[in-house]
C-alpha atoms as a PDB file:
ATOM      1  CA  MET A   1       2.414 -22.441  22.006  1.00  0.00           C
ATOM      2  CA  SER A   2       1.271 -23.035  18.424  1.00  0.00           C
ATOM      3  CA  LYS A   3      -1.739 -21.125  17.170  1.00  0.00           C
ATOM      4  CA  ARG A   4      -4.897 -22.873  16.062  1.00  0.00           C
ATOM      5  CA  PRO A   5      -5.654 -23.080  12.334  1.00  0.00           C
ATOM      6  CA  SER A   6      -7.098 -19.981  10.744  1.00  0.00           C
ATOM      7  CA  PRO A   7     -10.908 -19.778  10.824  1.00  0.00           C
ATOM      8  CA  ILE A   8     -10.765 -18.475   7.236  1.00  0.00           C
ATOM      9  CA  SER A   9     -11.351 -20.938   4.417  1.00  0.00           C
ATOM     10  CA  ALA A  10     -10.854 -20.436   0.674  1.00  0.00           C
ATOM     11  CA  THR A  11     -13.410 -21.404  -1.968  1.00  0.00           C
ATOM     12  CA  VAL A  12     -10.667 -21.544  -4.628  1.00  0.00           C
ATOM     13  CA  ASP A  13      -8.105 -24.234  -5.336  1.00  0.00           C
ATOM     14  CA  PHE A  14      -4.691 -22.603  -5.122  1.00  0.00           C
ATOM     15  CA  GLU A  15      -2.992 -25.544  -6.841  1.00  0.00           C
ATOM     16  CA  ALA A  16      -5.173 -26.059  -9.939  1.00  0.00           C
ATOM     17  CA  ASP A  17      -4.190 -24.643 -13.310  1.00  0.00           C
ATOM     18  CA  GLY A  18      -6.551 -22.128 -14.858  1.00  0.00           C
ATOM     19  CA  VAL A  19      -8.430 -19.109 -13.552  1.00  0.00           C
ATOM     20  CA  ARG A  20     -10.371 -19.428 -10.308  1.00  0.00           C
ATOM     21  CA  HIS A  21     -12.548 -16.683  -8.812  1.00  0.00           C
ATOM     22  CA  GLY A  22     -13.877 -17.117  -5.295  1.00  0.00           C
ATOM     23  CA  PHE A  23     -13.694 -15.934  -1.719  1.00  0.00           C
ATOM     24  CA  LEU A  24     -11.780 -16.088   1.508  1.00  0.00           C
ATOM     25  CA  LYS A  25     -14.599 -16.795   3.981  1.00  0.00           C
ATOM     26  CA  LEU A  26     -14.413 -15.757   7.619  1.00  0.00           C
ATOM     27  CA  PRO A  27     -17.366 -16.908   9.756  1.00  0.00           C
ATOM     28  CA  ILE A  28     -19.022 -14.168  11.816  1.00  0.00           C
ATOM     29  CA  SER A  29     -22.066 -13.884  14.019  1.00  0.00           C
ATOM     30  CA  ASN A  30     -23.546 -10.452  14.660  1.00  0.00           C
ATOM     31  CA  ASP A  31     -26.834  -8.586  14.806  1.00  0.00           C
ATOM     32  CA  GLU A  32     -27.144  -8.483  11.011  1.00  0.00           C
ATOM     33  CA  SER A  33     -26.200 -12.125  10.340  1.00  0.00           C
ATOM     34  CA  ALA A  34     -26.299 -14.804  13.018  1.00  0.00           C
ATOM     35  CA  TRP A  35     -24.555 -17.386  10.828  1.00  0.00           C
ATOM     36  CA  GLY A  36     -22.740 -15.090   8.448  1.00  0.00           C
ATOM     37  CA  ALA A  37     -19.344 -14.663   6.871  1.00  0.00           C
ATOM     38  CA  VAL A  38     -17.003 -11.929   5.754  1.00  0.00           C
ATOM     39  CA  MET A  39     -16.449 -12.608   2.043  1.00  0.00           C
ATOM     40  CA  ILE A  40     -13.099 -11.412   0.684  1.00  0.00           C
ATOM     41  CA  PRO A  41     -12.877 -11.764  -3.135  1.00  0.00           C
ATOM     42  CA  VAL A  42      -9.847 -13.654  -4.411  1.00  0.00           C
ATOM     43  CA  THR A  43      -8.638 -14.752  -7.836  1.00  0.00           C
ATOM     44  CA  VAL A  44      -5.993 -17.407  -8.517  1.00  0.00           C
ATOM     45  CA  ILE A  45      -4.444 -17.637 -11.988  1.00  0.00           C
ATOM     46  CA  LYS A  46      -2.051 -20.544 -12.441  1.00  0.00           C
ATOM     47  CA  HIS A  47      -0.232 -22.125 -15.365  1.00  0.00           C
ATOM     48  CA  GLY A  48       2.502 -24.698 -14.946  1.00  0.00           C
ATOM     49  CA  GLN A  49       5.580 -24.240 -12.837  1.00  0.00           C
ATOM     50  CA  GLY A  50       7.089 -20.931 -11.780  1.00  0.00           C
ATOM     51  CA  PRO A  51       7.096 -18.331  -9.038  1.00  0.00           C
ATOM     52  CA  THR A  52       4.045 -17.152  -7.136  1.00  0.00           C
ATOM     53  CA  ALA A  53       3.122 -13.479  -6.921  1.00  0.00           C
ATOM     54  CA  LEU A  54       0.636 -12.182  -4.357  1.00  0.00           C
ATOM     55  CA  LEU A  55      -0.993  -8.924  -5.483  1.00  0.00           C
ATOM     56  CA  THR A  56      -2.978  -7.069  -2.825  1.00  0.00           C
ATOM     57  CA  GLY A  57      -5.041  -3.894  -2.608  1.00  0.00           C
ATOM     58  CA  GLY A  58      -7.586  -2.513  -0.190  1.00  0.00           C
ATOM     59  CA  ASN A  59      -5.357  -3.014   2.839  1.00  0.00           C
ATOM     60  CA  HIS A  60      -7.077   0.270   3.647  1.00  0.00           C
ATOM     61  CA  GLY A  61     -10.598   0.471   2.302  1.00  0.00           C
ATOM     62  CA  ASP A  62     -10.544   4.024   0.915  1.00  0.00           C
ATOM     63  CA  GLU A  63      -7.510   3.566  -1.360  1.00  0.00           C
ATOM     64  CA  TYR A  64      -9.153   2.953  -4.706  1.00  0.00           C
ATOM     65  CA  GLU A  65      -6.334   3.074  -7.241  1.00  0.00           C
ATOM     66  CA  GLY A  66      -4.990  -0.354  -6.251  1.00  0.00           C
ATOM     67  CA  ILE A  67      -8.414  -1.891  -5.711  1.00  0.00           C
ATOM     68  CA  THR A  68      -9.550  -0.849  -9.187  1.00  0.00           C
ATOM     69  CA  ALA A  69      -6.350  -1.943 -10.926  1.00  0.00           C
ATOM     70  CA  LEU A  70      -6.502  -5.411  -9.364  1.00  0.00           C
ATOM     71  CA  MET A  71     -10.219  -5.843 -10.078  1.00  0.00           C
ATOM     72  CA  LYS A  72      -9.445  -5.130 -13.733  1.00  0.00           C
ATOM     73  CA  LEU A  73      -6.474  -7.504 -13.755  1.00  0.00           C
ATOM     74  CA  ALA A  74      -8.551 -10.314 -12.227  1.00  0.00           C
ATOM     75  CA  ASN A  75     -11.021  -9.891 -15.077  1.00  0.00           C
ATOM     76  CA  THR A  76      -8.437  -9.935 -17.864  1.00  0.00           C
ATOM     77  CA  LEU A  77      -5.328 -11.985 -17.027  1.00  0.00           C
ATOM     78  CA  ALA A  78      -5.434 -15.368 -18.786  1.00  0.00           C
ATOM     79  CA  SER A  79      -3.823 -18.482 -17.355  1.00  0.00           C
ATOM     80  CA  GLU A  80      -1.946 -19.247 -20.576  1.00  0.00           C
ATOM     81  CA  ASP A  81      -0.139 -15.916 -20.188  1.00  0.00           C
ATOM     82  CA  VAL A  82       1.168 -16.797 -16.720  1.00  0.00           C
ATOM     83  CA  HIS A  83       4.361 -18.667 -15.838  1.00  0.00           C
ATOM     84  CA  GLY A  84       3.602 -19.902 -12.330  1.00  0.00           C
ATOM     85  CA  ARG A  85       0.829 -18.474 -10.164  1.00  0.00           C
ATOM     86  CA  VAL A  86      -0.713 -15.060  -9.515  1.00  0.00           C
ATOM     87  CA  ILE A  87      -2.931 -14.639  -6.442  1.00  0.00           C
ATOM     88  CA  ILE A  88      -5.016 -11.448  -6.545  1.00  0.00           C
ATOM     89  CA  VAL A  89      -6.791 -10.039  -3.488  1.00  0.00           C
ATOM     90  CA  PRO A  90      -8.120  -6.601  -4.510  1.00  0.00           C
ATOM     91  CA  MET A  91      -9.666  -5.844  -1.100  1.00  0.00           C
ATOM     92  CA  MET A  92      -7.712  -7.352   1.791  1.00  0.00           C
ATOM     93  CA  ASN A  93      -9.880  -5.508   4.297  1.00  0.00           C
ATOM     94  CA  ALA A  94     -13.170  -6.130   2.497  1.00  0.00           C
ATOM     95  CA  PRO A  95     -15.398  -4.705   5.270  1.00  0.00           C
ATOM     96  CA  ALA A  96     -13.468  -1.422   5.168  1.00  0.00           C
ATOM     97  CA  ALA A  97     -13.559  -1.285   1.354  1.00  0.00           C
ATOM     98  CA  MET A  98     -17.309  -1.892   1.246  1.00  0.00           C
ATOM     99  CA  ALA A  99     -17.797   0.947   3.740  1.00  0.00           C
ATOM    100  CA  GLY A 100     -15.349   3.269   1.944  1.00  0.00           C
ATOM    101  CA  ARG A 101     -13.340   3.654   5.120  1.00  0.00           C
ATOM    102  CA  ARG A 102      -9.691   3.280   6.031  1.00  0.00           C
ATOM    103  CA  THR A 103     -10.553   0.973   8.911  1.00  0.00           C
ATOM    104  CA  SER A 104     -13.076  -1.802   9.370  1.00  0.00           C
ATOM    105  CA  PRO A 105     -16.615  -0.863  10.454  1.00  0.00           C
ATOM    106  CA  MET A 106     -16.848  -4.263  12.145  1.00  0.00           C
ATOM    107  CA  ASP A 107     -14.187  -3.715  14.796  1.00  0.00           C
ATOM    108  CA  GLY A 108     -12.464  -0.417  13.985  1.00  0.00           C
ATOM    109  CA  GLY A 109      -9.397  -2.384  12.963  1.00  0.00           C
ATOM    110  CA  ASN A 110      -6.650  -0.931  10.793  1.00  0.00           C
ATOM    111  CA  LEU A 111      -5.481  -4.025   8.912  1.00  0.00           C
ATOM    112  CA  ASN A 112      -2.051  -2.567   8.191  1.00  0.00           C
ATOM    113  CA  ARG A 113      -1.471  -2.114  11.925  1.00  0.00           C
ATOM    114  CA  SER A 114      -2.703  -5.611  12.844  1.00  0.00           C
ATOM    115  CA  PHE A 115       0.038  -7.969  11.643  1.00  0.00           C
ATOM    116  CA  PRO A 116       1.054 -10.680  12.223  1.00  0.00           C
ATOM    117  CA  GLY A 117      -2.551 -11.142  13.379  1.00  0.00           C
ATOM    118  CA  ASN A 118      -4.352 -13.546  15.667  1.00  0.00           C
ATOM    119  CA  PRO A 119      -6.741 -16.397  14.728  1.00  0.00           C
ATOM    120  CA  ASP A 120      -8.577 -15.815  18.016  1.00  0.00           C
ATOM    121  CA  GLY A 121      -8.646 -12.022  17.737  1.00  0.00           C
ATOM    122  CA  SER A 122     -10.946  -9.506  16.117  1.00  0.00           C
ATOM    123  CA  VAL A 123     -12.147  -9.800  12.515  1.00  0.00           C
ATOM    124  CA  THR A 124      -9.256  -7.632  11.340  1.00  0.00           C
ATOM    125  CA  GLU A 125      -6.693  -9.614  13.339  1.00  0.00           C
ATOM    126  CA  GLN A 126      -8.047 -12.870  11.906  1.00  0.00           C
ATOM    127  CA  ILE A 127      -7.678 -11.527   8.358  1.00  0.00           C
ATOM    128  CA  ALA A 128      -4.096 -10.471   9.111  1.00  0.00           C
ATOM    129  CA  ASP A 129      -3.331 -13.909  10.538  1.00  0.00           C
ATOM    130  CA  TYR A 130      -4.602 -15.666   7.386  1.00  0.00           C
ATOM    131  CA  PHE A 131      -2.337 -13.592   5.161  1.00  0.00           C
ATOM    132  CA  THR A 132       0.641 -14.092   7.487  1.00  0.00           C
ATOM    133  CA  ARG A 133       0.323 -17.849   7.964  1.00  0.00           C
ATOM    134  CA  THR A 134      -1.443 -19.016   4.793  1.00  0.00           C
ATOM    135  CA  LEU A 135      -1.033 -16.709   1.777  1.00  0.00           C
ATOM    136  CA  VAL A 136       2.429 -15.217   2.340  1.00  0.00           C
ATOM    137  CA  PRO A 137       4.134 -18.644   2.752  1.00  0.00           C
ATOM    138  CA  MET A 138       2.726 -19.615  -0.675  1.00  0.00           C
ATOM    139  CA  CYS A 139       4.354 -16.729  -2.489  1.00  0.00           C
ATOM    140  CA  ASP A 140       7.762 -15.542  -3.635  1.00  0.00           C
ATOM    141  CA  VAL A 141       7.019 -11.877  -4.303  1.00  0.00           C
ATOM    142  CA  VAL A 142       4.337  -9.526  -2.963  1.00  0.00           C
ATOM    143  CA  LEU A 143       3.022  -6.259  -4.377  1.00  0.00           C
ATOM    144  CA  ASP A 144       0.839  -4.267  -1.959  1.00  0.00           C
ATOM    145  CA  LEU A 145      -0.922  -1.341  -3.637  1.00  0.00           C
ATOM    146  CA  HIS A 146      -1.616   1.657  -1.400  1.00  0.00           C
ATOM    147  CA  SER A 147      -2.546   5.293  -1.939  1.00  0.00           C
ATOM    148  CA  GLY A 148      -3.406   8.165   0.346  1.00  0.00           C
ATOM    149  CA  GLY A 149      -7.102   7.485   0.765  1.00  0.00           C
ATOM    150  CA  ARG A 150      -9.410  10.268   1.878  1.00  0.00           C
ATOM    151  CA  THR A 151      -6.904  12.083   4.112  1.00  0.00           C
ATOM    152  CA  LEU A 152      -3.684  12.160   2.072  1.00  0.00           C
ATOM    153  CA  ASP A 153      -2.569  12.930  -1.456  1.00  0.00           C
ATOM    154  CA  ILE A 154       0.733  11.394  -2.500  1.00  0.00           C
ATOM    155  CA  VAL A 155       3.062  11.571  -5.480  1.00  0.00           C
ATOM    156  CA  PRO A 156       2.719   8.157  -7.157  1.00  0.00           C
ATOM    157  CA  PHE A 157       5.684   5.991  -6.200  1.00  0.00           C
ATOM    158  CA  ALA A 158       6.806   2.415  -5.643  1.00  0.00           C
ATOM    159  CA  ALA A 159       8.961   1.683  -2.620  1.00  0.00           C
ATOM    160  CA  SER A 160      11.136  -0.822  -0.842  1.00  0.00           C
ATOM    161  CA  HIS A 161      12.839  -0.750   2.554  1.00  0.00           C
ATOM    162  CA  GLN A 162      16.270  -1.012   4.097  1.00  0.00           C
ATOM    163  CA  LEU A 163      16.680  -4.666   5.182  1.00  0.00           C
ATOM    164  CA  GLU A 164      19.319  -6.647   7.005  1.00  0.00           C
ATOM    165  CA  ASN A 165      19.292  -9.166   4.158  1.00  0.00           C
ATOM    166  CA  LYS A 166      20.894  -7.106   1.401  1.00  0.00           C
ATOM    167  CA  GLU A 167      20.050  -9.594  -1.349  1.00  0.00           C
ATOM    168  CA  GLN A 168      16.391  -9.464  -0.353  1.00  0.00           C
ATOM    169  CA  GLN A 169      16.656  -5.660  -0.266  1.00  0.00           C
ATOM    170  CA  ARG A 170      18.248  -5.592  -3.726  1.00  0.00           C
ATOM    171  CA  GLN A 171      15.537  -7.743  -5.272  1.00  0.00           C
ATOM    172  CA  ALA A 172      12.786  -5.607  -3.757  1.00  0.00           C
ATOM    173  CA  LEU A 173      14.426  -2.357  -4.816  1.00  0.00           C
ATOM    174  CA  GLU A 174      14.789  -3.601  -8.383  1.00  0.00           C
ATOM    175  CA  GLY A 175      11.079  -4.453  -8.362  1.00  0.00           C
ATOM    176  CA  ALA A 176      10.162  -1.019  -7.032  1.00  0.00           C
ATOM    177  CA  ILE A 177      12.151   0.642  -9.815  1.00  0.00           C
ATOM    178  CA  ALA A 178      10.751  -1.733 -12.459  1.00  0.00           C
ATOM    179  CA  PHE A 179       7.176  -0.853 -11.395  1.00  0.00           C
ATOM    180  CA  GLY A 180       7.762   2.303 -13.380  1.00  0.00           C
ATOM    181  CA  ALA A 181       5.991   4.906 -11.253  1.00  0.00           C
ATOM    182  CA  PRO A 182       7.185   8.492 -11.707  1.00  0.00           C
ATOM    183  CA  THR A 183       9.083   8.143  -8.421  1.00  0.00           C
ATOM    184  CA  ALA A 184      10.931   5.236  -6.779  1.00  0.00           C
ATOM    185  CA  MET A 185      11.595   5.440  -3.042  1.00  0.00           C
ATOM    186  CA  MET A 186      13.564   3.877  -0.248  1.00  0.00           C
ATOM    187  CA  MET A 187      10.877   4.360   2.394  1.00  0.00           C
ATOM    188  CA  PHE A 188      11.089   4.863   6.145  1.00  0.00           C
ATOM    189  CA  GLU A 189       7.965   3.696   8.023  1.00  0.00           C
ATOM    190  CA  LEU A 190       6.903   5.386  11.247  1.00  0.00           C
ATOM    191  CA  ASP A 191       5.454   2.222  12.797  1.00  0.00           C
ATOM    192  CA  ALA A 192       6.821  -0.783  10.948  1.00  0.00           C
ATOM    193  CA  ALA A 193       6.311  -3.530  13.558  1.00  0.00           C
ATOM    194  CA  LYS A 194       2.662  -4.295  12.750  1.00  0.00           C
ATOM    195  CA  LEU A 195       2.717  -3.637   9.010  1.00  0.00           C
ATOM    196  CA  PHE A 196       1.973  -6.186   6.286  1.00  0.00           C
ATOM    197  CA  ASP A 197       5.361  -5.146   4.874  1.00  0.00           C
ATOM    198  CA  THR A 198       7.153  -6.501   7.936  1.00  0.00           C
ATOM    199  CA  ALA A 199       5.087  -9.696   8.054  1.00  0.00           C
ATOM    200  CA  VAL A 200       6.166 -10.428   4.480  1.00  0.00           C
ATOM    201  CA  GLU A 201       9.798  -9.343   4.752  1.00  0.00           C
ATOM    202  CA  SER A 202      10.308 -11.298   7.987  1.00  0.00           C
ATOM    203  CA  GLN A 203       9.522 -14.477   6.032  1.00  0.00           C
ATOM    204  CA  GLY A 204      12.270 -13.684   3.545  1.00  0.00           C
ATOM    205  CA  LYS A 205       9.887 -12.742   0.752  1.00  0.00           C
ATOM    206  CA  VAL A 206      10.379  -9.907  -1.721  1.00  0.00           C
ATOM    207  CA  PHE A 207       8.008  -7.033  -0.934  1.00  0.00           C
ATOM    208  CA  VAL A 208       7.189  -3.918  -2.961  1.00  0.00           C
ATOM    209  CA  ALA A 209       4.721  -1.287  -1.782  1.00  0.00           C
ATOM    210  CA  THR A 210       3.185   1.659  -3.604  1.00  0.00           C
ATOM    211  CA  GLU A 211       1.466   4.920  -2.947  1.00  0.00           C
ATOM    212  CA  LEU A 212      -0.510   5.825  -6.056  1.00  0.00           C
ATOM    213  CA  GLY A 213      -2.306   9.085  -5.327  1.00  0.00           C
ATOM    214  CA  GLY A 214      -5.082   9.710  -2.871  1.00  0.00           C
ATOM    215  CA  GLY A 215      -8.027  11.880  -2.009  1.00  0.00           C
ATOM    216  CA  GLY A 216     -10.366   8.894  -1.899  1.00  0.00           C
ATOM    217  CA  THR A 217     -10.793   8.711  -5.681  1.00  0.00           C
ATOM    218  CA  THR A 218      -9.018   7.751  -8.906  1.00  0.00           C
ATOM    219  CA  THR A 219      -7.862   9.664 -11.965  1.00  0.00           C
ATOM    220  CA  PRO A 220      -7.114   8.346 -15.464  1.00  0.00           C
ATOM    221  CA  GLU A 221      -3.425   9.238 -15.108  1.00  0.00           C
ATOM    222  CA  ARG A 222      -3.056   7.444 -11.783  1.00  0.00           C
ATOM    223  CA  MET A 223      -4.916   4.406 -13.069  1.00  0.00           C
ATOM    224  CA  ARG A 224      -2.509   4.229 -16.000  1.00  0.00           C
ATOM    225  CA  THR A 225       0.383   4.309 -13.534  1.00  0.00           C
ATOM    226  CA  ALA A 226      -1.199   1.560 -11.422  1.00  0.00           C
ATOM    227  CA  GLU A 227      -2.051  -0.751 -14.312  1.00  0.00           C
ATOM    228  CA  ARG A 228       1.284  -0.259 -16.055  1.00  0.00           C
ATOM    229  CA  GLY A 229       3.077  -0.853 -12.767  1.00  0.00           C
ATOM    230  CA  VAL A 230       1.294  -4.117 -11.963  1.00  0.00           C
ATOM    231  CA  LYS A 231       2.102  -5.434 -15.431  1.00  0.00           C
ATOM    232  CA  ASN A 232       5.737  -4.337 -15.110  1.00  0.00           C
ATOM    233  CA  PHE A 233       5.962  -6.040 -11.716  1.00  0.00           C
ATOM    234  CA  LEU A 234       4.762  -9.347 -13.182  1.00  0.00           C
ATOM    235  CA  ILE A 235       7.143  -9.043 -16.139  1.00  0.00           C
ATOM    236  CA  HIS A 236      10.109  -8.173 -13.943  1.00  0.00           C
ATOM    237  CA  TYR A 237       9.685 -11.228 -11.717  1.00  0.00           C
ATOM    238  CA  GLY A 238       9.042 -13.606 -14.617  1.00  0.00           C
ATOM    239  CA  LEU A 239       5.307 -14.203 -14.147  1.00  0.00           C
ATOM    240  CA  ILE A 240       4.356 -12.957 -17.610  1.00  0.00           C
ATOM    241  CA  ASP A 241       6.235 -12.195 -20.835  1.00  0.00           C
ATOM    242  CA  GLY A 242       6.786  -8.719 -22.222  1.00  0.00           C
ATOM    243  CA  GLU A 243       8.984  -5.661 -22.165  1.00  0.00           C
ATOM    244  CA  LEU A 244       8.896  -3.224 -19.279  1.00  0.00           C
ATOM    245  CA  GLU A 245       6.985  -0.057 -20.119  1.00  0.00           C
ATOM    246  CA  VAL A 246       8.892   2.931 -18.811  1.00  0.00           C
ATOM    247  CA  PRO A 247       7.325   6.318 -18.029  1.00  0.00           C
ATOM    248  CA  ALA A 248       7.827   9.108 -20.548  1.00  0.00           C
ATOM    249  CA  GLU A 249       9.708  11.267 -18.044  1.00  0.00           C
ATOM    250  CA  PRO A 250      12.876  10.050 -16.290  1.00  0.00           C
ATOM    251  CA  GLN A 251      12.167   8.356 -12.977  1.00  0.00           C
ATOM    252  CA  VAL A 252      12.994  10.351  -9.850  1.00  0.00           C
ATOM    253  CA  TYR A 253      14.750   8.543  -6.987  1.00  0.00           C
ATOM    254  CA  VAL A 254      14.021   9.676  -3.433  1.00  0.00           C
ATOM    255  CA  ASP A 255      15.079   8.489  -0.009  1.00  0.00           C
ATOM    256  CA  MET A 256      13.333   8.809   3.354  1.00  0.00           C
ATOM    257  CA  PRO A 257      16.207   8.279   5.805  1.00  0.00           C
ATOM    258  CA  ASP A 258      14.342   8.831   9.073  1.00  0.00           C
ATOM    259  CA  ALA A 259      11.231  10.107  10.844  1.00  0.00           C
ATOM    260  CA  SER A 260      12.194  13.742  10.310  1.00  0.00           C
ATOM    261  CA  CYS A 261      10.796  13.432   6.779  1.00  0.00           C
ATOM    262  CA  TYR A 262       7.305  13.567   8.314  1.00  0.00           C
ATOM    263  CA  VAL A 263       5.918  16.989   9.283  1.00  0.00           C
ATOM    264  CA  GLN A 264       3.121  16.573  11.821  1.00  0.00           C
ATOM    265  CA  SER A 265       0.781  19.229  13.122  1.00  0.00           C
ATOM    266  CA  GLU A 266       0.944  20.439  16.699  1.00  0.00           C
ATOM    267  CA  HIS A 267      -2.177  22.567  16.200  1.00  0.00           C
ATOM    268  CA  THR A 268      -5.813  22.220  15.200  1.00  0.00           C
ATOM    269  CA  GLY A 269      -7.313  24.478  12.559  1.00  0.00           C
ATOM    270  CA  LEU A 270      -7.451  25.306   8.866  1.00  0.00           C
ATOM    271  CA  LEU A 271      -4.494  24.086   6.813  1.00  0.00           C
ATOM    272  CA  GLU A 272      -2.887  26.050   4.005  1.00  0.00           C
ATOM    273  CA  LEU A 273      -0.164  24.247   2.040  1.00  0.00           C
ATOM    274  CA  THR A 274       2.192  26.621   0.253  1.00  0.00           C
ATOM    275  CA  LEU A 275       3.564  24.035  -2.186  1.00  0.00           C
ATOM    276  CA  ALA A 276       2.087  21.576  -4.650  1.00  0.00           C
ATOM    277  CA  LEU A 277       2.885  17.874  -4.672  1.00  0.00           C
ATOM    278  CA  GLY A 278       6.180  17.142  -6.347  1.00  0.00           C
ATOM    279  CA  GLU A 279       7.579  20.640  -5.887  1.00  0.00           C
ATOM    280  CA  PRO A 280      11.109  21.106  -4.542  1.00  0.00           C
ATOM    281  CA  VAL A 281      11.490  22.151  -0.912  1.00  0.00           C
ATOM    282  CA  GLU A 282      14.366  24.046   0.719  1.00  0.00           C
ATOM    283  CA  LYS A 283      15.291  23.663   4.370  1.00  0.00           C
ATOM    284  CA  GLY A 284      13.725  26.465   6.399  1.00  0.00           C
ATOM    285  CA  GLN A 285      11.076  27.224   3.783  1.00  0.00           C
ATOM    286  CA  VAL A 286       7.500  27.781   4.965  1.00  0.00           C
ATOM    287  CA  ILE A 287       5.559  24.787   3.692  1.00  0.00           C
ATOM    288  CA  ALA A 288       2.267  25.197   5.581  1.00  0.00           C
ATOM    289  CA  ARG A 289       0.225  27.499   7.773  1.00  0.00           C
ATOM    290  CA  VAL A 290      -2.467  26.517  10.273  1.00  0.00           C
ATOM    291  CA  TYR A 291      -5.161  29.085  11.080  1.00  0.00           C
ATOM    292  CA  ASP A 292      -7.174  29.189  14.305  1.00  0.00           C
ATOM    293  CA  MET A 293     -10.777  28.728  13.138  1.00  0.00           C
ATOM    294  CA  THR A 294     -12.289  29.976  16.392  1.00  0.00           C
ATOM    295  CA  ARG A 295     -11.385  33.650  15.846  1.00  0.00           C
ATOM    296  CA  THR A 296     -10.165  36.227  13.351  1.00  0.00           C
ATOM    297  CA  GLY A 297      -7.130  38.398  13.884  1.00  0.00           C
ATOM    298  CA  ALA A 298      -4.895  35.566  15.074  1.00  0.00           C
ATOM    299  CA  ALA A 299      -1.703  35.027  13.098  1.00  0.00           C
ATOM    300  CA  PRO A 300      -1.371  31.539  11.620  1.00  0.00           C
ATOM    301  CA  VAL A 301       1.228  29.081  12.872  1.00  0.00           C
ATOM    302  CA  GLU A 302       3.903  28.491  10.259  1.00  0.00           C
ATOM    303  CA  TYR A 303       5.505  25.121   9.613  1.00  0.00           C
ATOM    304  CA  ARG A 304       8.940  25.076   7.989  1.00  0.00           C
ATOM    305  CA  ALA A 305      10.854  22.336   6.233  1.00  0.00           C
ATOM    306  CA  ASN A 306      13.723  20.849   8.219  1.00  0.00           C
ATOM    307  CA  ARG A 307      15.368  19.346   5.124  1.00  0.00           C
ATOM    308  CA  ASN A 308      15.793  19.861   1.395  1.00  0.00           C
ATOM    309  CA  GLY A 309      13.892  17.587  -0.950  1.00  0.00           C
ATOM    310  CA  LEU A 310      10.562  17.068  -2.664  1.00  0.00           C
ATOM    311  CA  LEU A 311       7.064  17.338  -1.230  1.00  0.00           C
ATOM    312  CA  VAL A 312       5.969  13.738  -1.810  1.00  0.00           C
ATOM    313  CA  ALA A 313       2.816  13.670   0.343  1.00  0.00           C
ATOM    314  CA  ARG A 314       0.392  16.163   1.851  1.00  0.00           C
ATOM    315  CA  ARG A 315      -2.737  16.152   3.967  1.00  0.00           C
ATOM    316  CA  PHE A 316      -5.769  16.252   1.678  1.00  0.00           C
ATOM    317  CA  PRO A 317      -8.601  17.722   3.816  1.00  0.00           C
ATOM    318  CA  ALA A 318      -8.191  21.400   4.656  1.00  0.00           C
ATOM    319  CA  GLN A 319      -9.050  20.927   8.305  1.00  0.00           C
ATOM    320  CA  VAL A 320      -6.228  19.542  10.425  1.00  0.00           C
ATOM    321  CA  ASN A 321      -5.955  18.248  13.975  1.00  0.00           C
ATOM    322  CA  MET A 322      -3.025  17.893  16.333  1.00  0.00           C
ATOM    323  CA  GLY A 323      -0.952  14.876  15.344  1.00  0.00           C
ATOM    324  CA  ASP A 324      -2.044  14.778  11.701  1.00  0.00           C
ATOM    325  CA  THR A 325       0.711  14.490   9.123  1.00  0.00           C
ATOM    326  CA  ILE A 326       0.754  17.732   7.149  1.00  0.00           C
ATOM    327  CA  ALA A 327       3.504  16.874   4.699  1.00  0.00           C
ATOM    328  CA  VAL A 328       6.240  14.385   3.872  1.00  0.00           C
ATOM    329  CA  ILE A 329       9.544  15.577   2.442  1.00  0.00           C
ATOM    330  CA  ALA A 330      11.899  13.078   0.799  1.00  0.00           C
ATOM    331  CA  GLU A 331      15.474  13.663  -0.326  1.00  0.00           C
ATOM    332  CA  VAL A 332      16.288  13.443  -4.024  1.00  0.00           C
ATOM    333  CA  VAL A 333      19.196  11.040  -4.648  1.00  0.00           C
ATOM    334  CA  ASP A 334      21.133   9.830  -7.668  1.00  0.00           C
ATOM    335  CA  SER A 335      20.573   6.161  -6.837  1.00  0.00           C
ATOM    336  CA  LEU A 336      18.865   3.988  -4.262  1.00  0.00           C
ATOM    337  CA  GLY A 337      19.941   1.189  -1.975  1.00  0.00           C
ATOM    338  CA  GLU A 338      23.572   2.070  -1.374  1.00  0.00           C
ATOM    339  CA  ASP A 339      24.833   1.627   2.190  1.00  0.00           C
END
């Protein structure tokens, strides 16, 4: 059975040359607005013929590095500098971004666990459906900017995934490397089925994701990485002219082969990380301790690394609950993408 058309409408013309700022409008009716709408800002910059790039941030509302970088790009990129079309959506989950939350305050929805979406579902599912059935088919390449938000801090990296289509995988990997973050990763996702990544890749499009920091804030260094990376992405795929800007230090390649890269807590308490982000890890090394906050005199529970590598992500708040990811350890490799 075919789905009904999306309830979301765009106030911008995706086909007209020039710069267009507007909204993706989703009608809602609730206690605060009987005849209201969720307004998702969107910018379309088009000039002549060429590929289409979809640049997205705010898939989670508390990940500000990508949101800020895309807001700045929407204000500055001129149509005459573009070969083709650039669609910019700085805050995919606008309700979550406005609330400063990972998930939507309207329905509790995690947008990046809601794909491919449903036009008859919740607000978050309807947003996911619009991207899946309307925006993604328009594009050739997608860059989705993430960071750790309030609960994680992550070494800035750009990533691609292992795919059955090796040409699609190659093109995405080259884009992840060209982004120019300090680290490039072949990433393993814990729950890939409902991700935006999968919705894009299943349509044969080239998809690059990032993690650009975290802690629910931005820093000048991480903003430089984000802005440089977005520009490099557009240059690499032929949307704008220029030379790729490479980081001062050599790029580190890391691989996440399976779920064992994730260290998750089996206890609730006060978290002590024994390593800083980016530090090398040896198998068997104590990487974290969790202290029982209900009493003194109790020895902490130690968590040890089950692989060698780098600490590429860590929990940001000091308090931890059962099931929270404490750390992510990725293997350092000489190159990426080899079978």
